[in-house]
Amino acid sequence: MKRAEQEIAELEAQLEELDKEMTRPEIAANVGELMDIHKTAEAVRKKLETVYEDWERYSQELEELEE
């Protein structure tokens, strides 16, 4: 579970950085580079969603074990 929490934090930080990159004027003016960053951000979002689901599953399993 700790590993999932660490991965969530890393992915959220990466996503935040990518979002900041996309707002930079020199990136926004370069459609090709903007699209590349957008694709990367979408991949990170999908990975983050998967890790959130894993974390929820681990959390539920832990609660069941504690009962």
Protein backbone atom coordinates (compact mmCIF):
# COMPACT_ATOMS: atom_id res chain seq x y z
CA MET A 1 0.00 0.00 0.00
CA LYS A 2 2.88 2.35 0.77
CA ARG A 3 4.28 1.70 -2.70
CA ALA A 4 0.93 2.65 -4.25
CA GLU A 5 0.83 5.85 -2.18
CA GLN A 6 4.34 6.74 -3.26
CA GLU A 7 3.52 6.05 -6.90
CA ILE A 8 0.38 8.19 -6.62
CA ALA A 9 2.43 11.10 -5.27
CA GLU A 10 5.01 10.71 -8.05
CA LEU A 11 2.39 10.51 -10.79
CA GLU A 12 0.49 13.50 -9.42
CA ALA A 13 3.71 15.53 -9.37
CA GLN A 14 4.54 14.44 -12.91
CA LEU A 15 1.05 15.37 -14.08
CA GLU A 16 1.28 18.77 -12.41
CA GLU A 17 4.61 19.41 -14.16
CA LEU A 18 3.20 18.38 -17.54
CA ASP A 19 0.18 20.65 -17.05
CA LYS A 20 2.54 23.54 -16.27
CA GLU A 21 4.58 22.75 -19.38
CA MET A 22 1.48 22.96 -21.57
CA THR A 23 0.74 26.49 -20.34
CA ARG A 24 4.17 27.83 -21.28
CA PRO A 25 3.81 30.19 -24.28
CA GLU A 26 6.64 28.59 -26.25
CA ILE A 27 5.03 25.17 -25.85
CA ALA A 28 1.51 26.42 -26.56
CA ALA A 29 2.78 27.96 -29.80
CA ASN A 30 4.30 24.64 -30.95
CA VAL A 31 1.39 22.35 -31.79
CA GLY A 32 3.55 19.25 -32.26
CA GLU A 33 5.29 19.63 -28.92
CA LEU A 34 2.01 20.51 -27.22
CA MET A 35 0.39 17.35 -28.59
CA ASP A 36 3.34 15.22 -27.42
CA ILE A 37 3.06 16.62 -23.89
CA HIS A 38 -0.71 16.18 -23.96
CA LYS A 39 -0.34 12.51 -24.97
CA THR A 40 2.16 11.97 -22.17
CA ALA A 41 -0.18 13.65 -19.68
CA GLU A 42 -3.06 11.42 -20.79
CA ALA A 43 -0.90 8.32 -20.30
CA VAL A 44 0.02 9.53 -16.81
CA ARG A 45 -3.67 10.16 -16.01
CA LYS A 46 -4.55 6.62 -17.08
CA LYS A 47 -1.71 5.16 -15.01
CA LEU A 48 -2.80 7.30 -12.04
CA GLU A 49 -6.35 6.01 -12.36
CA THR A 50 -5.06 2.42 -12.29
CA VAL A 51 -2.90 3.08 -9.24
CA TYR A 52 -5.84 4.75 -7.45
CA GLU A 53 -7.92 1.63 -8.14
CA ASP A 54 -5.12 -0.57 -6.80
CA TRP A 55 -4.83 1.60 -3.69
CA GLU A 56 -8.58 1.36 -3.07
CA ARG A 57 -8.45 -2.41 -3.44
CA TYR A 58 -5.49 -2.68 -1.05
CA SER A 59 -7.27 -0.42 1.43
CA GLN A 60 -10.43 -2.53 1.34
CA GLU A 61 -8.44 -5.74 1.74
CA LEU A 62 -6.61 -4.28 4.71
CA GLU A 63 -9.88 -3.21 6.34
CA GLU A 64 -11.28 -6.71 5.87
CA LEU A 65 -8.20 -8.25 7.48
CA GLU A 66 -8.48 -5.90 10.44
CA GLU A 67 -12.11 -6.89 11.13
